[in-house]
Amino acid sequence: MTRPCRSVLYIPGSKDRALDKARGLPADAIIFDLEDAVAPEEKPAARALLARVLADYDFGPRMRIVRINGFDTEWGRADAEAMNTAIAGGARIDAILVPKVNHAADLGAVADLVPGADLWAMMETAAGMLNAAGIAAHPRLKGMVMGTNDLAKELGSRFRPDRLALVTGLGLCVLAAKAAGKVIVDGVFNAFKDDEGLRAECEQGRDMGFDGKTLIHPAQLAIANQVFAPSEAEIDLARRQIEAFSAAKAAGQGVAVVDGRIVENLHVVTAEATLAKAEAIAALEFASDGV
């Protein structure tokens, strides 16, 4: 089963109270942030705190992703070394998230310093959009995260609810991730009190092919979890498609008809993926109840 990444919540690596609270939140994954969410003067202390927290705290089935600072800063290499030491000491860190990845080569130095964790890439620059296929193909890369705020800043684009200026970049990254079989999650929605706007943007991302959405506030979790999960109607349709196609094959036919629509093998593959995702979500939520 594919591991769900419907909701990927940013948590500042410098806030012990927030880190503790995160253990009980219904997030599929947590990004422990040492970059944008931490002030320059707090970065060394945040690095030490996060290494201790990831060794001592139980975050249950949630995926643990650490966003380090870039290697073009004074903190990036020390972040990577500290997380590698933490892993060697027993801390569970599933992935290191590398900021502002412009080329696949940007992942190499981090890969060498942290051999015990997968890599994820922040896709947030114009160069990153144009080189998305090569980045997605990196052998250590497992996931991609859209950094839509930074991308919009670099493009000089204006905010629109339909994200028109960002659609090309979003699409290029989705294509690259899907071609390489990597997870890809959409960028954040800044207006954390605007539930209607969040839902619309989640639905747009879901319909484009994103696996989930990065979030900046726990209040956004429920909507992302709902939108990026198969609905009851989709699960019911998937089961009926599989059953109908199986019956058609048994009768020597190559296609079936469900609700007035042709069902071929490609639809069955999609239906099976829908059921597998629903099962993975159910397993994750059951496990979370016990944390």
Protein backbone atom coordinates (compact mmCIF):
# COMPACT_ATOMS: atom_id res chain seq x y z
CA MET A 1 0.00 0.00 0.00
CA THR A 2 1.13 3.55 -0.76
CA ARG A 3 1.82 5.60 2.34
CA PRO A 4 -0.71 8.46 2.59
CA CYS A 5 0.57 12.04 2.42
CA ARG A 6 -2.74 13.88 2.37
CA SER A 7 -1.74 16.37 5.05
CA VAL A 8 1.87 17.48 5.55
CA LEU A 9 2.10 19.96 8.43
CA TYR A 10 4.97 22.40 8.95
CA ILE A 11 6.10 22.65 12.60
CA PRO A 12 8.85 25.11 13.68
CA GLY A 13 11.88 23.20 14.91
CA SER A 14 12.47 25.82 17.58
CA LYS A 15 9.15 25.48 19.44
CA ASP A 16 9.24 22.66 22.00
CA ARG A 17 5.56 23.09 22.87
CA ALA A 18 4.50 22.88 19.20
CA LEU A 19 6.70 19.83 18.69
CA ASP A 20 5.07 18.11 21.65
CA LYS A 21 1.56 19.00 20.46
CA ALA A 22 2.30 17.60 17.00
CA ARG A 23 2.37 14.07 18.42
CA GLY A 24 -1.41 14.13 18.77
CA LEU A 25 -2.37 15.88 15.52
CA PRO A 26 -4.05 13.94 12.68
CA ALA A 27 -1.33 14.74 10.13
CA ASP A 28 -0.07 12.10 7.73
CA ALA A 29 3.37 13.72 7.78
CA ILE A 30 5.19 16.47 9.66
CA ILE A 31 7.85 18.77 8.26
CA PHE A 32 10.06 19.81 11.17
CA ASP A 33 11.30 23.13 9.86
CA LEU A 34 14.78 24.49 10.55
CA GLU A 35 14.64 26.94 7.64
CA ASP A 36 11.98 29.63 7.15
CA ALA A 37 10.19 29.08 10.46
CA VAL A 38 13.31 29.67 12.57
CA ALA A 39 14.98 33.05 13.09
CA PRO A 40 18.72 33.18 12.29
CA GLU A 41 19.74 33.68 15.93
CA GLU A 42 17.67 30.64 16.98
CA LYS A 43 18.92 28.18 14.38
CA PRO A 44 21.72 26.47 16.37
CA ALA A 45 19.44 25.97 19.39
CA ALA A 46 16.59 24.75 17.18
CA ARG A 47 18.88 22.21 15.54
CA ALA A 48 19.90 20.78 18.93
CA LEU A 49 16.32 20.79 20.22
CA LEU A 50 14.97 19.00 17.17
CA ALA A 51 17.67 16.33 17.27
CA ARG A 52 16.71 15.61 20.89
CA VAL A 53 12.97 15.66 20.22
CA LEU A 54 13.22 13.23 17.31
CA ALA A 55 15.19 10.86 19.51
CA ASP A 56 12.92 11.12 22.55
CA TYR A 57 9.37 11.74 21.27
CA ASP A 58 7.05 9.18 19.74
CA PHE A 59 5.26 10.58 16.70
CA GLY A 60 3.49 7.31 15.95
CA PRO A 61 2.86 6.49 12.28
CA ARG A 62 3.37 10.05 11.07
CA MET A 63 6.13 10.52 8.53
CA ARG A 64 8.97 12.62 9.94
CA ILE A 65 10.57 15.03 7.48
CA VAL A 66 13.23 17.57 8.48
CA ARG A 67 13.66 20.67 6.35
CA ILE A 68 17.23 21.84 6.71
CA ASN A 69 18.72 25.14 5.64
CA GLY A 70 20.35 25.39 2.24
CA PHE A 71 24.03 24.61 1.82
CA ASP A 72 24.49 28.16 0.56
CA THR A 73 23.90 29.34 4.14
CA GLU A 74 26.04 29.03 7.25
CA TRP A 75 23.59 26.57 8.82
CA GLY A 76 22.82 23.98 6.15
CA ARG A 77 25.80 21.66 6.48
CA ALA A 78 25.58 21.71 10.29
CA ASP A 79 21.87 20.86 10.06
CA ALA A 80 22.59 17.84 7.88
CA GLU A 81 25.43 16.64 10.11
CA ALA A 82 23.27 17.00 13.23
CA MET A 83 20.42 15.01 11.71
CA ASN A 84 22.81 12.29 10.58
CA THR A 85 24.20 12.07 14.12
CA ALA A 86 20.65 11.91 15.49
CA ILE A 87 19.80 9.03 13.13
CA ALA A 88 22.92 7.17 14.19
CA GLY A 89 21.80 7.65 17.80
CA GLY A 90 18.41 6.08 17.15
CA ALA A 91 16.23 9.01 16.10
CA ARG A 92 13.68 8.19 13.45
CA ILE A 93 13.93 10.64 10.58
CA ASP A 94 12.23 9.44 7.42
CA ALA A 95 13.48 12.15 5.08
CA ILE A 96 15.56 15.30 4.76
CA LEU A 97 13.82 18.08 2.85
CA VAL A 98 16.30 20.13 0.82
CA PRO A 99 15.26 23.75 0.14
CA LYS A 100 15.42 25.57 -3.19
CA VAL A 101 16.53 22.65 -5.33
CA ASN A 102 17.51 24.03 -8.75
CA HIS A 103 19.22 20.96 -10.19
CA ALA A 104 19.58 17.27 -9.31
CA ALA A 105 23.18 18.01 -8.33
CA ASP A 106 21.90 20.11 -5.42
CA LEU A 107 20.81 16.88 -3.74
CA GLY A 108 24.19 15.20 -3.97
CA ALA A 109 25.98 16.95 -1.11
CA VAL A 110 23.07 16.31 1.26
CA ALA A 111 22.87 12.68 0.20
CA ASP A 112 26.53 12.19 1.12
CA LEU A 113 26.11 13.73 4.59
CA VAL A 114 22.88 11.94 5.52
CA PRO A 115 23.05 8.41 4.11
CA GLY A 116 20.45 7.09 6.54
CA ALA A 117 17.42 9.06 5.34
CA ASP A 118 15.53 9.56 2.11
CA LEU A 119 15.65 12.94 0.39
CA TRP A 120 12.77 15.24 -0.51
CA ALA A 121 13.11 18.37 -2.63
CA MET A 122 11.53 21.81 -2.24
CA MET A 123 10.40 22.88 -5.70
CA GLU A 124 10.24 26.65 -5.39
CA THR A 125 12.41 28.29 -8.04
CA ALA A 126 12.06 28.92 -11.77
CA ALA A 127 15.17 26.81 -12.38
CA GLY A 128 13.66 24.00 -10.33
CA MET A 129 10.54 24.03 -12.49
CA LEU A 130 12.59 23.78 -15.68
CA ASN A 131 14.75 20.98 -14.25
CA ALA A 132 11.96 19.07 -12.48
CA ALA A 133 12.37 15.87 -14.48
CA GLY A 134 16.05 15.55 -13.65
CA ILE A 135 15.43 16.32 -9.98
CA ALA A 136 12.63 13.76 -9.75
CA ALA A 137 14.88 11.10 -11.28
CA HIS A 138 17.55 11.41 -8.55
CA PRO A 139 17.96 7.91 -7.03
CA ARG A 140 17.77 9.08 -3.41
CA LEU A 141 14.74 11.30 -3.93
CA LYS A 142 11.39 10.03 -2.62
CA GLY A 143 9.23 13.15 -2.59
CA MET A 144 8.76 16.69 -3.88
CA VAL A 145 7.15 19.66 -2.11
CA MET A 146 5.88 22.71 -3.94
CA GLY A 147 7.09 25.99 -2.44
CA THR A 148 4.46 28.18 -4.04
CA ASN A 149 5.17 31.30 -1.96
CA ASP A 150 8.81 31.43 -2.98
CA LEU A 151 7.96 30.54 -6.58
CA ALA A 152 5.42 33.36 -6.80
CA LYS A 153 7.99 35.76 -5.33
CA GLU A 154 10.60 34.77 -7.90
CA LEU A 155 8.12 35.02 -10.76
CA GLY A 156 6.82 38.36 -9.56
CA SER A 157 3.29 37.04 -10.05
CA ARG A 158 0.13 38.30 -8.40
CA PHE A 159 -2.14 36.22 -6.21
CA ARG A 160 -5.16 34.73 -7.93
CA PRO A 161 -7.50 32.14 -6.43
CA ASP A 162 -7.04 29.99 -9.54
CA ARG A 163 -3.20 30.21 -9.23
CA LEU A 164 -2.99 30.86 -12.97
CA ALA A 165 0.62 32.10 -12.85
CA LEU A 166 1.74 28.96 -11.01
CA VAL A 167 -0.12 26.34 -13.03
CA THR A 168 2.72 25.75 -15.49
CA GLY A 169 5.22 25.08 -12.71
CA LEU A 170 2.77 22.96 -10.75
CA GLY A 171 2.05 20.88 -13.83
CA LEU A 172 5.70 20.39 -14.72
CA CYS A 173 6.45 19.11 -11.23
CA VAL A 174 3.45 16.78 -11.16
CA LEU A 175 4.49 15.33 -14.51
CA ALA A 176 8.07 14.85 -13.31
CA ALA A 177 7.03 13.23 -10.03
CA LYS A 178 4.55 10.86 -11.64
CA ALA A 179 7.01 9.86 -14.37
CA ALA A 180 9.58 8.98 -11.71
CA GLY A 181 7.12 7.39 -9.27
CA LYS A 182 7.73 9.95 -6.52
CA VAL A 183 5.35 11.52 -3.99
CA ILE A 184 4.43 15.14 -4.64
CA VAL A 185 2.56 17.50 -2.33
CA ASP A 186 1.12 20.90 -3.12
CA GLY A 187 2.18 24.21 -1.59
CA VAL A 188 0.64 25.94 1.41
CA PHE A 189 -2.57 27.98 1.57
CA ASN A 190 -1.72 31.09 3.56
CA ALA A 191 -5.18 32.20 4.74
CA PHE A 192 -5.52 29.54 7.44
CA LYS A 193 -8.91 30.84 8.60
CA ASP A 194 -10.43 30.66 5.09
CA ASP A 195 -11.85 27.15 4.98
CA GLU A 196 -13.67 27.69 1.69
CA GLY A 197 -10.52 28.93 -0.02
CA LEU A 198 -8.47 26.06 1.40
CA ARG A 199 -10.95 23.48 0.21
CA ALA A 200 -11.00 24.96 -3.29
CA GLU A 201 -7.20 24.93 -3.51
CA CYS A 202 -7.01 21.38 -2.13
CA GLU A 203 -9.54 20.25 -4.73
CA GLN A 204 -7.56 21.95 -7.48
CA GLY A 205 -4.36 20.24 -6.35
CA ARG A 206 -6.08 16.87 -5.99
CA ASP A 207 -7.57 17.13 -9.46
CA MET A 208 -4.13 18.01 -10.89
CA GLY A 209 -2.67 14.84 -9.39
CA PHE A 210 -1.00 15.97 -6.17
CA ASP A 211 -0.87 13.40 -3.38
CA GLY A 212 -1.60 15.92 -0.64
CA LYS A 213 -0.99 19.44 0.60
CA THR A 214 1.47 21.16 2.88
CA LEU A 215 -0.22 23.05 5.71
CA ILE A 216 0.75 25.87 8.06
CA HIS A 217 -1.84 25.40 10.81
CA PRO A 218 -3.49 22.40 12.52
CA ALA A 219 -6.90 23.89 11.70
CA GLN A 220 -6.26 23.01 8.06
CA LEU A 221 -5.74 19.29 8.66
CA ALA A 222 -9.34 18.08 8.51
CA ILE A 223 -10.06 19.62 5.11
CA ALA A 224 -6.86 18.33 3.51
CA ASN A 225 -7.40 14.84 4.94
CA GLN A 226 -10.92 14.76 3.56
CA VAL A 227 -10.22 16.19 0.12
CA PHE A 228 -7.20 13.99 -0.61
CA ALA A 229 -8.92 10.79 0.55
CA PRO A 230 -11.24 8.75 -1.69
CA SER A 231 -14.87 9.56 -0.98
CA GLU A 232 -17.40 6.86 -0.13
CA ALA A 233 -18.89 7.28 -3.61
CA GLU A 234 -15.46 6.79 -5.21
CA ILE A 235 -14.80 3.70 -3.12
CA ASP A 236 -18.19 2.23 -4.01
CA LEU A 237 -17.65 2.92 -7.72
CA ALA A 238 -14.17 1.36 -7.59
CA ARG A 239 -15.55 -1.83 -6.07
CA ARG A 240 -18.34 -2.05 -8.62
CA GLN A 241 -15.94 -1.44 -11.51
CA ILE A 242 -13.64 -4.23 -10.34
CA GLU A 243 -16.55 -6.64 -9.86
CA ALA A 244 -18.10 -5.80 -13.24
CA PHE A 245 -14.82 -6.13 -15.12
CA SER A 246 -14.07 -9.45 -13.41
CA ALA A 247 -17.49 -10.74 -14.45
CA ALA A 248 -16.98 -9.51 -18.01
CA LYS A 249 -13.62 -11.29 -18.25
CA ALA A 250 -15.15 -14.50 -16.95
CA ALA A 251 -17.69 -14.21 -19.76
CA GLY A 252 -14.95 -13.76 -22.33
CA GLN A 253 -15.47 -10.04 -22.80
CA GLY A 254 -12.83 -7.31 -22.75
CA VAL A 255 -14.92 -4.48 -21.35
CA ALA A 256 -17.72 -3.94 -18.86
CA VAL A 257 -20.30 -1.20 -18.36
CA VAL A 258 -20.91 0.52 -15.01
CA ASP A 259 -23.32 3.43 -14.63
CA GLY A 260 -23.49 3.78 -18.38
CA ARG A 261 -19.73 4.10 -18.81
CA ILE A 262 -17.25 1.70 -20.37
CA VAL A 263 -14.86 0.03 -17.93
CA GLU A 264 -11.58 -1.27 -19.35
CA ASN A 265 -8.46 -2.62 -17.70
CA LEU A 266 -7.01 0.87 -17.21
CA HIS A 267 -10.08 1.83 -15.18
CA VAL A 268 -9.62 -1.26 -13.04
CA VAL A 269 -6.01 -0.28 -12.31
CA THR A 270 -7.26 3.13 -11.13
CA ALA A 271 -10.01 1.50 -9.09
CA GLU A 272 -7.54 -0.83 -7.38
CA ALA A 273 -5.32 2.16 -6.55
CA THR A 274 -8.34 3.94 -5.04
CA LEU A 275 -9.11 0.99 -2.77
CA ALA A 276 -5.45 0.59 -1.80
CA LYS A 277 -5.30 4.27 -0.83
CA ALA A 278 -8.47 3.96 1.24
CA GLU A 279 -7.04 0.92 3.04
CA ALA A 280 -3.75 2.72 3.73
CA ILE A 281 -5.59 5.73 5.16
CA ALA A 282 -7.74 3.50 7.36
CA ALA A 283 -4.64 1.73 8.66
CA LEU A 284 -2.89 5.01 9.39
CA GLU A 285 -5.87 6.49 11.21
CA PHE A 286 -6.34 3.31 13.25
CA ALA A 287 -2.70 3.42 14.27
CA SER A 288 -2.95 7.11 15.13
CA ASP A 289 -5.78 6.45 17.55
CA GLY A 290 -3.39 4.53 19.74
CA VAL A 291 -0.75 7.28 19.95
